N, C-alpha and C. Protein backbone atom coordinates (compact mmCIF):
# COMPACT_ATOMS: atom_id res chain seq x y z
N MET A 1 13.17 55.37 21.03
CA MET A 1 13.42 56.01 22.30
C MET A 1 14.70 56.84 22.17
N HIS A 2 14.66 58.06 22.62
CA HIS A 2 15.79 58.98 22.60
C HIS A 2 16.37 59.17 21.19
N PRO A 3 15.59 59.67 20.25
CA PRO A 3 16.09 59.75 18.87
C PRO A 3 17.22 60.76 18.68
N LEU A 4 17.21 61.87 19.40
CA LEU A 4 18.24 62.89 19.19
C LEU A 4 19.64 62.39 19.54
N PRO A 5 19.88 61.79 20.70
CA PRO A 5 21.23 61.30 20.98
C PRO A 5 21.68 60.21 20.01
N TRP A 6 20.75 59.33 19.61
CA TRP A 6 21.12 58.29 18.65
C TRP A 6 21.47 58.89 17.29
N ALA A 7 20.72 59.90 16.87
CA ALA A 7 21.02 60.55 15.60
C ALA A 7 22.37 61.26 15.65
N LEU A 8 22.67 61.89 16.77
CA LEU A 8 23.97 62.56 16.91
C LEU A 8 25.11 61.54 16.93
N ALA A 9 24.90 60.40 17.58
CA ALA A 9 25.92 59.35 17.59
C ALA A 9 26.14 58.81 16.19
N ALA A 10 25.07 58.60 15.45
CA ALA A 10 25.19 58.13 14.07
C ALA A 10 25.90 59.16 13.20
N LEU A 11 25.62 60.42 13.44
CA LEU A 11 26.26 61.48 12.68
C LEU A 11 27.77 61.49 12.91
N VAL A 12 28.18 61.23 14.13
CA VAL A 12 29.61 61.18 14.45
C VAL A 12 30.26 59.95 13.83
N MET A 13 29.56 58.81 13.85
CA MET A 13 30.15 57.56 13.37
C MET A 13 30.21 57.47 11.84
N ALA A 14 29.22 58.00 11.16
CA ALA A 14 29.18 57.90 9.70
C ALA A 14 28.67 59.21 9.10
N PRO A 15 29.49 60.25 9.12
CA PRO A 15 29.00 61.57 8.70
C PRO A 15 28.65 61.68 7.22
N TRP A 16 29.06 60.75 6.38
CA TRP A 16 28.81 60.91 4.94
C TRP A 16 27.75 59.95 4.41
N SER A 17 27.04 59.29 5.29
CA SER A 17 26.00 58.35 4.85
C SER A 17 24.80 59.12 4.31
N GLY A 18 24.28 58.67 3.17
CA GLY A 18 23.13 59.33 2.56
C GLY A 18 21.86 59.20 3.38
N LEU A 19 21.66 58.02 3.97
CA LEU A 19 20.48 57.82 4.81
C LEU A 19 20.58 58.59 6.11
N LEU A 20 21.78 58.84 6.56
CA LEU A 20 21.97 59.52 7.82
C LEU A 20 21.45 60.94 7.79
N VAL A 21 21.65 61.61 6.68
CA VAL A 21 21.18 63.00 6.55
C VAL A 21 19.67 63.07 6.70
N SER A 22 18.96 62.16 6.06
CA SER A 22 17.50 62.17 6.18
C SER A 22 17.06 61.79 7.59
N ALA A 23 17.79 60.87 8.24
CA ALA A 23 17.45 60.47 9.61
C ALA A 23 17.63 61.64 10.58
N VAL A 24 18.73 62.37 10.42
CA VAL A 24 18.96 63.53 11.28
C VAL A 24 17.92 64.60 11.01
N ALA A 25 17.57 64.81 9.76
CA ALA A 25 16.55 65.80 9.41
C ALA A 25 15.20 65.43 10.02
N MET A 26 14.83 64.15 9.97
CA MET A 26 13.57 63.72 10.57
C MET A 26 13.61 63.87 12.08
N THR A 27 14.75 63.60 12.69
CA THR A 27 14.88 63.76 14.14
C THR A 27 14.71 65.21 14.54
N LEU A 28 15.36 66.11 13.82
CA LEU A 28 15.22 67.53 14.12
C LEU A 28 13.80 68.01 13.88
N ALA A 29 13.15 67.50 12.84
CA ALA A 29 11.76 67.86 12.60
C ALA A 29 10.88 67.38 13.75
N ALA A 30 11.16 66.21 14.28
CA ALA A 30 10.38 65.69 15.41
C ALA A 30 10.58 66.57 16.65
N VAL A 31 11.81 67.03 16.87
CA VAL A 31 12.08 67.92 18.02
C VAL A 31 11.32 69.23 17.85
N PHE A 32 11.34 69.79 16.66
CA PHE A 32 10.61 71.05 16.42
C PHE A 32 9.10 70.85 16.56
N CYS A 33 8.58 69.73 16.07
CA CYS A 33 7.15 69.45 16.21
C CYS A 33 6.77 69.28 17.68
N ARG A 34 7.63 68.63 18.44
CA ARG A 34 7.34 68.48 19.86
C ARG A 34 7.33 69.82 20.57
N ALA A 35 8.27 70.71 20.20
CA ALA A 35 8.29 72.05 20.79
C ALA A 35 7.02 72.81 20.42
N ALA A 36 6.58 72.69 19.19
CA ALA A 36 5.35 73.36 18.77
C ALA A 36 4.15 72.81 19.52
N LEU A 37 4.09 71.50 19.70
CA LEU A 37 2.99 70.89 20.44
C LEU A 37 2.98 71.35 21.90
N LEU A 38 4.15 71.37 22.53
CA LEU A 38 4.23 71.84 23.91
C LEU A 38 3.80 73.29 24.03
N ARG A 39 4.16 74.10 23.05
CA ARG A 39 3.76 75.51 23.07
C ARG A 39 2.25 75.64 22.95
N GLN A 40 1.63 74.86 22.06
CA GLN A 40 0.18 74.91 21.90
C GLN A 40 -0.54 74.46 23.16
N VAL A 41 -0.02 73.43 23.81
CA VAL A 41 -0.64 72.96 25.05
C VAL A 41 -0.52 74.03 26.13
N ALA A 42 0.65 74.66 26.22
CA ALA A 42 0.85 75.73 27.21
C ALA A 42 -0.11 76.89 26.96
N LEU A 43 -0.30 77.25 25.69
CA LEU A 43 -1.23 78.33 25.37
C LEU A 43 -2.66 77.94 25.67
N ALA A 44 -3.02 76.70 25.38
CA ALA A 44 -4.39 76.25 25.60
C ALA A 44 -4.75 76.22 27.08
N PHE A 45 -3.80 75.90 27.94
CA PHE A 45 -4.06 75.82 29.36
C PHE A 45 -3.64 77.07 30.12
N GLY A 46 -3.17 78.09 29.40
CA GLY A 46 -2.77 79.34 30.04
C GLY A 46 -1.51 79.22 30.89
N LEU A 47 -0.64 78.32 30.54
CA LEU A 47 0.60 78.13 31.28
C LEU A 47 1.63 79.18 30.85
N PRO A 48 2.59 79.49 31.70
CA PRO A 48 3.61 80.46 31.31
C PRO A 48 4.52 79.89 30.22
N SER A 49 5.12 80.78 29.47
CA SER A 49 6.01 80.38 28.38
C SER A 49 7.23 79.64 28.94
N GLN A 50 7.65 78.63 28.22
CA GLN A 50 8.79 77.80 28.64
C GLN A 50 9.97 78.02 27.70
N PRO A 51 11.18 77.72 28.16
CA PRO A 51 12.35 77.80 27.28
C PRO A 51 12.43 76.56 26.38
N TYR A 52 11.68 76.58 25.28
CA TYR A 52 11.59 75.42 24.40
C TYR A 52 12.91 75.09 23.72
N TRP A 53 13.80 76.05 23.66
CA TRP A 53 15.10 75.79 23.04
C TRP A 53 15.93 74.82 23.88
N LEU A 54 15.50 74.56 25.14
CA LEU A 54 16.22 73.62 25.99
C LEU A 54 15.78 72.16 25.79
N LEU A 55 14.80 71.93 24.93
CA LEU A 55 14.34 70.55 24.69
C LEU A 55 15.47 69.61 24.25
N PRO A 56 16.34 70.01 23.32
CA PRO A 56 17.43 69.09 22.97
C PRO A 56 18.36 68.80 24.14
N VAL A 57 18.59 69.78 25.01
CA VAL A 57 19.42 69.56 26.19
C VAL A 57 18.74 68.55 27.11
N ARG A 58 17.42 68.69 27.28
CA ARG A 58 16.67 67.75 28.11
C ARG A 58 16.74 66.35 27.52
N ASP A 59 16.64 66.23 26.21
CA ASP A 59 16.74 64.92 25.56
C ASP A 59 18.10 64.28 25.83
N LEU A 60 19.16 65.07 25.72
CA LEU A 60 20.50 64.53 25.95
C LEU A 60 20.69 64.12 27.41
N MET A 61 20.15 64.92 28.33
CA MET A 61 20.27 64.58 29.74
C MET A 61 19.44 63.33 30.07
N SER A 62 18.26 63.21 29.47
CA SER A 62 17.44 62.01 29.68
C SER A 62 18.15 60.77 29.17
N PHE A 63 18.84 60.91 28.05
CA PHE A 63 19.59 59.79 27.51
C PHE A 63 20.74 59.40 28.44
N ALA A 64 21.39 60.40 29.04
CA ALA A 64 22.47 60.11 29.99
C ALA A 64 21.94 59.34 31.20
N VAL A 65 20.77 59.70 31.69
CA VAL A 65 20.16 58.98 32.81
C VAL A 65 19.79 57.56 32.37
N PHE A 66 19.28 57.42 31.15
CA PHE A 66 18.94 56.11 30.61
C PHE A 66 20.16 55.20 30.57
N VAL A 67 21.28 55.72 30.07
CA VAL A 67 22.51 54.92 29.99
C VAL A 67 23.03 54.61 31.39
N ALA A 68 22.98 55.59 32.29
CA ALA A 68 23.47 55.37 33.66
C ALA A 68 22.64 54.33 34.40
N SER A 69 21.38 54.16 34.02
CA SER A 69 20.54 53.18 34.70
C SER A 69 21.03 51.75 34.50
N PHE A 70 21.82 51.52 33.48
CA PHE A 70 22.36 50.18 33.24
C PHE A 70 23.65 49.93 34.01
N LEU A 71 24.19 50.94 34.66
CA LEU A 71 25.47 50.81 35.33
C LEU A 71 25.35 50.45 36.81
N GLY A 72 24.18 50.58 37.39
CA GLY A 72 24.00 50.29 38.80
C GLY A 72 23.77 48.82 39.07
N ARG A 73 24.02 48.42 40.32
CA ARG A 73 23.80 47.03 40.71
C ARG A 73 22.73 46.91 41.78
N ASP A 74 22.34 48.04 42.39
CA ASP A 74 21.33 48.02 43.45
C ASP A 74 20.04 48.65 42.96
N VAL A 75 18.92 48.09 43.42
CA VAL A 75 17.60 48.61 43.09
C VAL A 75 16.81 48.71 44.39
N THR A 76 16.15 49.83 44.61
CA THR A 76 15.24 49.97 45.73
C THR A 76 13.83 50.03 45.16
N TRP A 77 13.00 49.07 45.60
CA TRP A 77 11.64 48.99 45.08
C TRP A 77 10.70 48.70 46.23
N LYS A 78 9.71 49.57 46.41
CA LYS A 78 8.72 49.46 47.48
C LYS A 78 9.38 49.29 48.84
N GLY A 79 10.42 50.06 49.08
CA GLY A 79 11.10 50.05 50.37
C GLY A 79 12.07 48.90 50.57
N GLN A 80 12.18 48.00 49.63
CA GLN A 80 13.12 46.88 49.72
C GLN A 80 14.31 47.13 48.82
N ARG A 81 15.47 46.77 49.30
CA ARG A 81 16.68 46.95 48.50
C ARG A 81 17.12 45.60 47.94
N TYR A 82 17.44 45.60 46.66
CA TYR A 82 17.86 44.38 45.97
C TYR A 82 19.20 44.62 45.30
N ARG A 83 20.01 43.59 45.23
CA ARG A 83 21.28 43.65 44.52
C ARG A 83 21.20 42.71 43.33
N LEU A 84 21.64 43.19 42.18
CA LEU A 84 21.58 42.41 40.95
C LEU A 84 22.90 41.69 40.71
N PHE A 85 22.80 40.41 40.45
CA PHE A 85 23.95 39.59 40.10
C PHE A 85 23.66 38.95 38.75
N PRO A 86 24.68 38.51 38.03
CA PRO A 86 24.42 37.86 36.74
C PRO A 86 23.50 36.64 36.91
N GLY A 87 22.32 36.73 36.32
CA GLY A 87 21.38 35.61 36.35
C GLY A 87 20.46 35.54 37.54
N LYS A 88 20.62 36.42 38.54
CA LYS A 88 19.72 36.36 39.68
C LYS A 88 19.63 37.71 40.39
N ILE A 89 18.62 37.82 41.24
CA ILE A 89 18.40 39.01 42.05
C ILE A 89 18.38 38.57 43.50
N ALA A 90 19.16 39.22 44.35
CA ALA A 90 19.22 38.86 45.76
C ALA A 90 18.73 40.01 46.60
N GLY A 91 17.88 39.72 47.57
CA GLY A 91 17.41 40.74 48.51
C GLY A 91 18.53 41.08 49.50
N VAL A 92 18.60 42.32 49.88
CA VAL A 92 19.62 42.75 50.84
C VAL A 92 18.89 43.35 52.04
N SER A 93 19.17 42.83 53.22
CA SER A 93 18.54 43.38 54.41
C SER A 93 19.26 44.67 54.81
N GLU A 94 18.50 45.58 55.37
CA GLU A 94 19.06 46.88 55.73
C GLU A 94 19.55 46.87 57.14
């Protein structure tokens, strides 16, 4: 999940690792393949051209939302609000 941000974090932490170079290369290849797949789907369905160069930005923003999801203590689900405490979930009346 979220390979691009993890690969960039690994690149910052250990820039001279031999395995890291291949991992980053595979991650970039996956991003390019995904862009190519999205382009083919858009062409097949007659959709307008998209800014595929923004895919890495979208990946980074999705990762930021993923990380932020662990920082909240309240959850709203099916109209009910819940507060999370260590080891338990408590309902909160509105």
